[in-house]
Amino acid sequence: MSEKIIKPSVITGFPEYLPEERILEQQMMDTIRAVFESHGFCSIETPVVEKLEVLLSKSADTNKEMYVLGRLQAEEKEEAKMGLRYDLTVPFARYVAQHENDLVFPFKRYQMQPCWRGERPKLGRYRQFTQCDVDVIAREKLAPEYDALIPAVVCEAWQKIGFKNIVLQISNRKILAGFVEGLGVEKVGETLRVLDKLKKIGEDGVREMLSELKLNEKQIAACLKIAKINTPDLSFADKVRNLGVQNDMLELGLNELTECVKLYASLCKVPYRVDMSLVRGFDYYTGTTYEVQLVGTDFADSIGGGGRYDNLASTMTKSRLPGVGMSMGISRALGVGLKLGLMRTGAKSPTEVLVVNVEDTDKSKMLTVAEKLRARGIKTEVYLEGGKLVKQLKYANDKKIPYVWFDIDNMLKNMETGEQTVADPDTWAPNK
């Protein structure tokens, strides 16, 4: 009896890349890494699995999307105690709390690893995705200037990987929280999360949800007025104050955001918009919040975001650890970039030179030539199978390998121009 053939297919929402797509992803990550390290951020990694008590410590809403981990054949039914991380921020909080005596503060870190969420898959939204976070965290007090530096560094990285048409959406959670508090609303956190949905569900949807929270018509109207304030300059502060609500937290947020925006504009040429509806869903954000949006496309979701937090690891240590950070959605950017034509794949291999087998020549000589090239950092592949030269050249063309080396007489062919020259494997280098 023949074995049953299982149809090969990937589960929806779990991206799987062809070699040329993976090369593009790696190039993105290399560029981002270089930008972050140029600003003094160091790399860390954390396990893919965390205790559920850690993952649920910062936002209870995450349990709706979290994947838990357990053995397929447990001796008895086990209660789930572990889960796959849904972001990199909460594991980072655990990491800092656990290693705080070994770290130098302010601690500047970046992290590029996969995360998992039980999403409804669509373009740019996946169940498994590679996230890149950059954060700076301190003991007791973190300089407010980092609120401007972090988005400037992130926008620099976005531009260097090819996303030129972007805008930074920025706000400060204290403004909206103080405003809502000043209106006499009791459920401040719930109200902020509703206002954050303004772009997704519109005014009518927000109005309905605020009514369910028992806000009266006057409070709802005021909330909608402030949430619709969106300016490309510092005029946001006067627009908010003109609404007539008095609150100390509100005033503090306005002053913090004004100073942050001024410094950001001096550090980065990527335009910004102050968007009062921007809250961010996670409860750990306490001050400045950000999102990065694509301009001139139909893609409405952000490609990254983040914000300031006063004490991210409060559930894991008595030390006060304020910080600020942002995420870059690498998988989201790759998927959207390829779909919208903002990015293009190139070679199907990192190979720079293919050493071909002409007339079944001595393969040891081919390997020697390849080793000489590799010793000088030139990525080199050897076509050991032999066969007709036209087949070997087609292989190079199909993989977009730029050079072919005929070891028999050290003849080198540029596959783009067709030019052939004699080259020395001890001295030749490709044009880059």
Protein backbone atom coordinates (compact mmCIF):
# COMPACT_ATOMS: atom_id res chain seq x y z
CA MET A 1 0.00 0.00 0.00
CA SER A 2 1.43 3.36 -1.00
CA GLU A 3 1.78 6.11 1.57
CA LYS A 4 -0.83 8.82 1.65
CA ILE A 5 0.47 11.99 0.02
CA ILE A 6 -0.16 15.05 2.18
CA LYS A 7 -0.78 18.17 0.16
CA PRO A 8 1.99 20.62 1.09
CA SER A 9 0.61 23.94 2.24
CA VAL A 10 1.47 26.55 4.82
CA ILE A 11 -1.06 27.57 7.47
CA THR A 12 -2.72 30.90 6.67
CA GLY A 13 -1.08 33.81 8.42
CA PHE A 14 2.33 32.16 8.73
CA PRO A 15 4.50 33.72 5.99
CA GLU A 16 6.98 31.54 4.14
CA TYR A 17 9.42 33.27 1.84
CA LEU A 18 11.13 32.30 -1.38
CA PRO A 19 14.93 32.78 -1.38
CA GLU A 20 14.77 36.17 -3.10
CA GLU A 21 12.18 37.39 -0.57
CA ARG A 22 14.23 36.09 2.35
CA ILE A 23 17.32 37.88 0.99
CA LEU A 24 15.32 41.11 0.87
CA GLU A 25 14.17 40.57 4.47
CA GLN A 26 17.75 39.95 5.59
CA GLN A 27 18.91 43.10 3.81
CA MET A 28 16.22 45.07 5.63
CA MET A 29 17.33 43.65 8.96
CA ASP A 30 21.01 44.31 8.24
CA THR A 31 20.25 47.94 7.39
CA ILE A 32 18.11 48.43 10.50
CA ARG A 33 20.79 46.80 12.64
CA ALA A 34 23.45 49.15 11.27
CA VAL A 35 21.30 52.22 12.03
CA PHE A 36 20.53 51.16 15.59
CA GLU A 37 24.11 50.22 16.38
CA SER A 38 25.33 53.55 14.99
CA HIS A 39 23.27 55.18 17.76
CA GLY A 40 24.67 52.90 20.47
CA PHE A 41 21.85 50.35 20.81
CA CYS A 42 22.90 46.76 21.53
CA SER A 43 21.19 43.56 20.45
CA ILE A 44 19.43 41.09 22.75
CA GLU A 45 17.24 38.03 22.22
CA THR A 46 14.71 36.42 24.54
CA PRO A 47 13.09 32.95 24.40
CA VAL A 48 10.05 32.54 22.18
CA VAL A 49 8.16 31.19 25.22
CA GLU A 50 7.30 33.13 28.37
CA LYS A 51 5.27 32.30 31.46
CA LEU A 52 1.62 33.22 31.03
CA GLU A 53 1.77 35.34 34.18
CA VAL A 54 4.44 37.45 32.48
CA LEU A 55 2.61 37.75 29.17
CA LEU A 56 -0.65 38.72 30.88
CA SER A 57 0.94 41.13 33.33
CA LYS A 58 0.66 44.28 31.20
CA SER A 59 -2.62 43.95 29.28
CA ALA A 60 -5.44 41.50 29.92
CA ASP A 61 -6.81 41.97 26.38
CA THR A 62 -3.90 39.99 24.95
CA ASN A 63 -5.38 36.68 26.13
CA LYS A 64 -7.78 36.85 23.17
CA GLU A 65 -4.89 36.53 20.70
CA MET A 66 -2.27 34.53 22.56
CA TYR A 67 -1.04 31.07 21.62
CA VAL A 68 -0.38 28.81 24.60
CA LEU A 69 2.14 25.99 24.68
CA GLY A 70 1.65 22.44 25.93
CA ARG A 71 2.70 18.85 25.24
CA LEU A 72 0.70 16.85 22.73
CA GLN A 73 0.81 13.70 24.85
CA ALA A 74 0.76 14.83 28.45
CA GLU A 75 0.27 12.13 31.09
CA GLU A 76 -2.66 14.08 32.41
CA LYS A 77 -4.44 17.23 31.36
CA GLU A 78 -2.23 20.19 32.12
CA GLU A 79 -3.26 23.74 32.73
CA ALA A 80 -1.49 26.08 30.30
CA LYS A 81 1.40 27.85 31.98
CA MET A 82 3.41 29.05 28.99
CA GLY A 83 2.66 31.04 25.86
CA LEU A 84 4.32 32.26 22.70
CA ARG A 85 5.22 35.94 22.97
CA TYR A 86 2.79 38.30 21.23
CA ASP A 87 5.25 41.22 21.19
CA LEU A 88 8.84 41.98 22.25
CA THR A 89 8.04 44.65 24.85
CA VAL A 90 6.72 42.45 27.65
CA PRO A 91 9.59 39.92 27.34
CA PHE A 92 11.94 42.92 27.40
CA ALA A 93 10.37 44.06 30.66
CA ARG A 94 10.98 40.61 32.14
CA TYR A 95 14.54 40.61 30.80
CA VAL A 96 15.39 43.95 32.40
CA ALA A 97 13.75 43.03 35.72
CA GLN A 98 15.67 39.76 35.80
CA HIS A 99 19.06 41.18 34.78
CA GLU A 100 18.86 44.73 36.14
CA ASN A 101 21.90 44.24 38.39
CA ASP A 102 24.01 43.23 35.38
CA LEU A 103 22.92 45.97 32.97
CA VAL A 104 24.32 49.47 32.52
CA PHE A 105 21.61 52.14 32.62
CA PRO A 106 20.29 53.85 30.62
CA PHE A 107 20.07 50.54 28.80
CA LYS A 108 19.69 50.93 25.02
CA ARG A 109 18.58 47.77 23.27
CA TYR A 110 17.19 46.56 19.95
CA GLN A 111 15.66 43.16 19.27
CA MET A 112 14.63 41.43 16.03
CA GLN A 113 12.67 38.21 16.52
CA PRO A 114 9.39 36.53 15.55
CA CYS A 115 6.16 36.97 17.54
CA TRP A 116 2.81 35.18 17.38
CA ARG A 117 -0.77 36.41 17.60
CA GLY A 118 -4.11 34.80 16.84
CA GLU A 119 -4.95 37.42 14.24
CA ARG A 120 -7.40 37.28 11.37
CA PRO A 121 -4.82 37.25 8.55
CA LYS A 122 -4.78 39.93 5.86
CA LEU A 123 -2.20 42.02 4.03
CA GLY A 124 0.33 43.20 6.60
CA ARG A 125 -1.30 41.33 9.49
CA TYR A 126 -0.03 37.83 10.24
CA ARG A 127 -0.17 35.15 12.92
CA GLN A 128 3.61 34.86 12.87
CA PHE A 129 5.62 37.97 12.16
CA THR A 130 9.11 39.35 12.63
CA GLN A 131 9.15 42.41 14.85
CA CYS A 132 11.99 44.81 15.49
CA ASP A 133 11.94 46.84 18.71
CA VAL A 134 14.25 49.60 19.87
CA ASP A 135 14.03 50.89 23.46
CA VAL A 136 15.94 52.85 26.04
CA ILE A 137 15.15 52.22 29.70
CA ALA A 138 16.54 53.77 32.87
CA ARG A 139 16.34 53.59 36.65
CA GLU A 140 13.99 56.08 38.33
CA LYS A 141 14.17 58.77 35.62
CA LEU A 142 14.67 58.80 31.86
CA ALA A 143 15.58 62.03 30.06
CA PRO A 144 12.58 63.39 28.09
CA GLU A 145 14.79 63.99 25.05
CA TYR A 146 14.67 60.26 24.33
CA ASP A 147 11.00 60.72 23.39
CA ALA A 148 12.23 62.63 20.33
CA LEU A 149 15.38 60.57 19.68
CA ILE A 150 13.64 57.18 19.43
CA PRO A 151 11.24 58.13 16.57
CA ALA A 152 14.06 60.00 14.81
CA VAL A 153 16.22 56.84 14.84
CA VAL A 154 13.31 54.64 13.72
CA CYS A 155 12.37 56.97 10.86
CA GLU A 156 16.03 57.03 9.77
CA ALA A 157 15.92 53.22 9.59
CA TRP A 158 12.65 53.21 7.62
CA GLN A 159 14.08 55.61 5.06
CA LYS A 160 17.31 53.66 4.65
CA ILE A 161 15.43 50.45 3.83
CA GLY A 162 13.50 52.31 1.13
CA PHE A 163 10.32 53.63 2.77
CA LYS A 164 10.66 57.28 1.80
CA ASN A 165 7.00 58.35 1.90
CA ILE A 166 6.24 58.03 5.58
CA VAL A 167 4.84 60.28 8.27
CA LEU A 168 5.21 60.07 12.03
CA GLN A 169 1.90 60.24 13.88
CA ILE A 170 2.57 61.45 17.43
CA SER A 171 0.59 62.25 20.55
CA ASN A 172 0.81 62.10 24.34
CA ARG A 173 -1.52 59.87 26.30
CA LYS A 174 -1.59 62.33 29.22
CA ILE A 175 -3.40 64.88 27.04
CA LEU A 176 -6.36 62.69 26.25
CA ALA A 177 -6.41 61.08 29.71
CA GLY A 178 -6.34 64.49 31.41
CA PHE A 179 -9.01 65.83 29.07
CA VAL A 180 -11.34 62.87 29.70
CA GLU A 181 -10.68 63.10 33.42
CA GLY A 182 -11.41 66.83 33.30
CA LEU A 183 -14.80 66.04 31.75
CA GLY A 184 -15.69 64.01 34.82
CA VAL A 185 -15.58 60.63 33.03
CA GLU A 186 -15.04 57.73 35.43
CA LYS A 187 -13.85 55.02 33.02
CA VAL A 188 -10.83 56.90 31.66
CA GLY A 189 -8.84 53.91 30.35
CA GLU A 190 -11.83 52.36 28.57
CA THR A 191 -12.72 55.73 27.03
CA LEU A 192 -9.19 56.18 25.68
CA ARG A 193 -9.26 52.75 24.05
CA VAL A 194 -12.52 53.65 22.31
CA LEU A 195 -11.16 56.97 21.01
CA ASP A 196 -8.12 55.11 19.65
CA LYS A 197 -10.53 53.29 17.31
CA LEU A 198 -11.77 56.48 15.65
CA LYS A 199 -10.07 55.81 12.30
CA LYS A 200 -11.28 52.20 12.22
CA ILE A 201 -14.92 52.51 13.26
CA GLY A 202 -15.65 56.19 12.56
CA GLU A 203 -17.54 58.78 14.61
CA ASP A 204 -20.79 56.82 14.76
CA GLY A 205 -19.02 53.72 16.06
CA VAL A 206 -17.12 55.72 18.68
CA ARG A 207 -20.28 57.53 19.73
CA GLU A 208 -22.09 54.22 20.23
CA MET A 209 -19.27 52.69 22.26
CA LEU A 210 -18.93 55.79 24.44
CA SER A 211 -22.66 55.68 25.12
CA GLU A 212 -22.24 52.10 26.32
CA LEU A 213 -19.63 53.42 28.79
CA LYS A 214 -22.35 55.76 30.16
CA LEU A 215 -20.84 59.02 28.86
CA ASN A 216 -23.44 61.74 28.34
CA GLU A 217 -23.93 63.63 25.08
CA LYS A 218 -21.85 66.62 26.19
CA GLN A 219 -18.93 64.38 27.19
CA ILE A 220 -19.15 62.40 23.95
CA ALA A 221 -19.18 65.57 21.83
CA ALA A 222 -16.14 66.93 23.67
CA CYS A 223 -14.25 63.63 23.29
CA LEU A 224 -14.90 63.60 19.56
CA LYS A 225 -13.73 67.20 19.21
CA ILE A 226 -10.36 66.55 20.81
CA ALA A 227 -9.91 63.20 19.06
CA LYS A 228 -10.32 64.88 15.65
CA ILE A 229 -7.51 67.39 16.27
CA ASN A 230 -4.76 66.52 13.79
CA THR A 231 -2.09 69.09 12.92
CA PRO A 232 1.29 69.14 11.11
CA ASP A 233 2.66 71.75 13.52
CA LEU A 234 2.50 73.06 17.10
CA SER A 235 -0.99 74.49 16.72
CA PHE A 236 -2.43 71.39 18.40
CA ALA A 237 -1.79 72.88 21.85
CA ASP A 238 -3.97 75.96 21.28
CA LYS A 239 -6.68 73.84 19.64
CA VAL A 240 -6.85 71.60 22.72
CA ARG A 241 -6.80 74.49 25.18
CA ASN A 242 -9.55 76.25 23.25
CA LEU A 243 -11.88 73.36 24.15
CA GLY A 244 -11.95 74.79 27.65
CA VAL A 245 -11.13 71.77 29.79
CA GLN A 246 -8.83 72.43 32.78
CA ASN A 247 -6.70 69.60 34.12
CA ASP A 248 -3.13 69.36 35.44
CA MET A 249 -2.35 66.12 33.61
CA LEU A 250 -3.71 67.59 30.39
CA GLU A 251 -1.46 70.64 30.71
CA LEU A 252 1.58 68.49 31.52
CA GLY A 253 0.96 66.37 28.42
CA LEU A 254 0.63 69.44 26.18
CA ASN A 255 3.94 70.83 27.43
CA GLU A 256 5.72 67.48 27.07
CA LEU A 257 4.45 66.94 23.54
CA THR A 258 5.32 70.50 22.46
CA GLU A 259 8.95 70.07 23.57
CA CYS A 260 9.15 66.58 22.08
CA VAL A 261 7.88 67.72 18.67
CA LYS A 262 10.27 70.67 18.59
CA LEU A 263 13.28 68.45 19.22
CA TYR A 264 12.10 65.73 16.84
CA ALA A 265 11.75 68.27 14.01
CA SER A 266 15.37 69.35 14.57
CA LEU A 267 16.60 65.73 14.49
CA CYS A 268 14.62 64.24 11.62
CA LYS A 269 13.29 65.41 8.25
CA VAL A 270 10.44 62.87 8.16
CA PRO A 271 7.26 64.95 8.58
CA TYR A 272 5.06 64.52 11.62
CA ARG A 273 1.40 65.00 12.44
CA VAL A 274 0.08 65.45 15.96
CA ASP A 275 -2.96 63.15 16.18
CA MET A 276 -4.99 63.47 19.38
CA SER A 277 -6.83 60.18 18.76
CA LEU A 278 -3.58 58.21 18.93
CA VAL A 279 -3.52 56.29 22.22
CA ARG A 280 -2.10 52.83 21.40
CA GLY A 281 -3.93 49.84 22.81
CA PHE A 282 -1.53 48.51 25.42
CA ASP A 283 -2.01 49.72 28.98
CA TYR A 284 1.69 50.16 29.67
CA TYR A 285 1.97 53.39 27.62
CA THR A 286 1.80 56.46 29.86
CA GLY A 287 3.09 59.43 27.85
CA THR A 288 4.25 60.06 24.28
CA THR A 289 2.82 57.65 21.70
CA TYR A 290 3.77 57.11 18.05
CA GLU A 291 2.77 55.39 14.86
CA VAL A 292 4.49 55.41 11.46
CA GLN A 293 2.13 55.57 8.48
CA LEU A 294 2.71 55.13 4.75
CA VAL A 295 1.73 58.14 2.67
CA GLY A 296 0.11 57.93 -0.76
CA THR A 297 -1.05 54.30 -0.53
CA ASP A 298 -4.30 52.50 0.27
CA PHE A 299 -2.68 50.69 3.20
CA ALA A 300 -4.31 52.21 6.27
CA ASP A 301 -2.58 50.33 9.10
CA SER A 302 0.63 51.59 10.65
CA ILE A 303 3.97 49.91 9.91
CA GLY A 304 5.24 50.54 13.42
CA GLY A 305 4.58 52.34 16.66
CA GLY A 306 5.33 52.64 20.34
CA GLY A 307 5.60 55.12 23.15
CA ARG A 308 6.75 56.14 26.63
CA TYR A 309 6.11 53.98 29.68
CA ASP A 310 6.70 55.10 33.27
CA ASN A 311 7.33 51.71 34.84
CA LEU A 312 7.18 48.83 32.40
CA ALA A 313 8.41 46.13 34.79
CA SER A 314 6.28 47.18 37.78
CA THR A 315 4.77 43.70 38.14
CA MET A 316 8.20 42.04 38.26
CA THR A 317 10.45 44.32 40.31
CA LYS A 318 10.20 47.04 42.93
CA SER A 319 12.68 49.14 40.95
CA ARG A 320 11.12 51.92 38.91
CA LEU A 321 12.19 51.45 35.30
CA PRO A 322 10.84 54.14 32.94
CA GLY A 323 11.53 53.89 29.23
CA VAL A 324 10.48 54.67 25.71
CA GLY A 325 10.54 52.53 22.60
CA MET A 326 9.14 51.77 19.16
CA SER A 327 8.47 48.70 17.05
CA MET A 328 9.10 48.22 13.34
CA GLY A 329 6.92 45.62 11.65
CA ILE A 330 9.44 43.87 9.41
CA SER A 331 7.05 41.20 8.11
CA ARG A 332 4.33 43.78 7.63
CA ALA A 333 6.65 46.13 5.75
CA LEU A 334 7.95 43.32 3.54
CA GLY A 335 4.49 42.07 2.65
CA VAL A 336 3.07 45.53 2.02
CA GLY A 337 6.22 46.75 0.27
CA LEU A 338 6.18 43.87 -2.23
CA LYS A 339 2.40 44.07 -2.79
CA LEU A 340 2.42 47.82 -3.43
CA GLY A 341 5.63 47.82 -5.47
CA LEU A 342 7.54 49.84 -2.88
CA MET A 343 10.16 47.08 -2.72
CA ARG A 344 11.46 44.65 -5.34
CA THR A 345 13.22 41.34 -5.01
CA GLY A 346 16.58 40.80 -6.68
CA ALA A 347 18.87 37.80 -6.82
CA LYS A 348 17.66 34.37 -5.76
CA SER A 349 21.01 33.68 -4.11
CA PRO A 350 23.73 35.63 -2.30
CA THR A 351 26.29 34.16 -4.74
CA GLU A 352 28.48 36.72 -6.52
CA VAL A 353 30.52 34.31 -8.65
CA LEU A 354 29.63 30.93 -10.14
CA VAL A 355 32.64 28.79 -11.06
CA VAL A 356 31.45 26.63 -13.97
CA ASN A 357 32.62 23.22 -15.06
CA VAL A 358 33.87 23.44 -18.65
CA GLU A 359 34.64 20.23 -20.53
CA ASP A 360 34.69 18.22 -17.30
CA THR A 361 37.84 19.92 -16.09
CA ASP A 362 39.59 19.07 -12.85
CA LYS A 363 37.05 19.80 -10.11
CA SER A 364 39.79 20.25 -7.53
CA LYS A 365 41.00 23.24 -9.55
CA MET A 366 37.48 24.68 -9.54
CA LEU A 367 37.31 24.31 -5.78
CA THR A 368 40.74 25.95 -5.38
CA VAL A 369 39.66 28.96 -7.42
CA ALA A 370 36.49 29.24 -5.31
CA GLU A 371 38.46 29.07 -2.06
CA LYS A 372 40.78 31.85 -3.21
CA LEU A 373 37.78 34.07 -3.97
CA ARG A 374 36.02 33.22 -0.69
CA ALA A 375 39.19 33.95 1.27
CA ARG A 376 38.85 37.56 0.14
CA GLY A 377 35.16 37.79 1.07
CA ILE A 378 33.67 37.06 -2.35
CA LYS A 379 30.60 34.80 -2.15
CA THR A 380 31.38 31.96 -4.55
CA GLU A 381 29.51 28.86 -5.68
CA VAL A 382 30.88 25.91 -7.66
CA TYR A 383 28.76 24.10 -10.27
CA LEU A 384 29.96 20.56 -9.57
CA GLU A 385 27.33 18.71 -11.62
CA GLY A 386 28.96 19.59 -14.94
CA GLY A 387 27.06 19.13 -18.19
CA LYS A 388 26.47 21.52 -21.06
CA LEU A 389 27.74 25.06 -20.59
CA VAL A 390 24.40 26.51 -21.71
CA LYS A 391 22.74 24.74 -18.78
CA GLN A 392 25.27 26.16 -16.34
CA LEU A 393 24.85 29.69 -17.70
CA LYS A 394 21.07 29.34 -17.45
CA TYR A 395 21.54 28.37 -13.80
CA ALA A 396 23.51 31.58 -13.23
CA ASN A 397 20.90 33.66 -15.05
CA ASP A 398 17.98 32.09 -13.19
CA LYS A 399 19.61 32.89 -9.84
CA LYS A 400 20.81 36.32 -11.08
CA ILE A 401 24.43 35.54 -10.25
CA PRO A 402 26.39 38.52 -11.60
CA TYR A 403 29.65 36.77 -12.61
CA VAL A 404 30.64 33.40 -14.10
CA TRP A 405 34.22 32.12 -13.77
CA PHE A 406 35.61 29.72 -16.36
CA ASP A 407 38.37 28.06 -14.33
CA ILE A 408 40.01 26.47 -17.37
CA ASP A 409 41.71 29.74 -18.35
CA ASN A 410 40.54 32.13 -15.60
CA MET A 411 38.10 33.77 -17.98
CA LEU A 412 35.46 35.85 -16.21
CA LYS A 413 32.09 36.78 -17.70
CA ASN A 414 29.93 39.68 -16.52
CA MET A 415 26.42 38.26 -16.90
CA GLU A 416 24.79 41.68 -17.13
CA THR A 417 27.00 43.22 -19.84
CA GLY A 418 28.24 40.01 -21.48
CA GLU A 419 31.83 41.29 -21.25
CA GLN A 420 34.54 38.65 -20.80
CA THR A 421 38.00 39.28 -19.34
CA VAL A 422 40.90 37.28 -17.95
CA ALA A 423 41.03 37.62 -14.15
CA ASP A 424 43.35 36.57 -11.35
CA PRO A 425 41.55 34.84 -8.44
CA ASP A 426 44.17 36.25 -6.04
CA THR A 427 43.42 39.90 -6.89
CA TRP A 428 40.09 40.28 -8.74
CA ALA A 429 37.12 41.83 -6.94
CA PRO A 430 33.55 42.43 -8.15
CA ASN A 431 32.20 45.91 -8.77
CA LYS A 432 29.83 46.87 -5.94
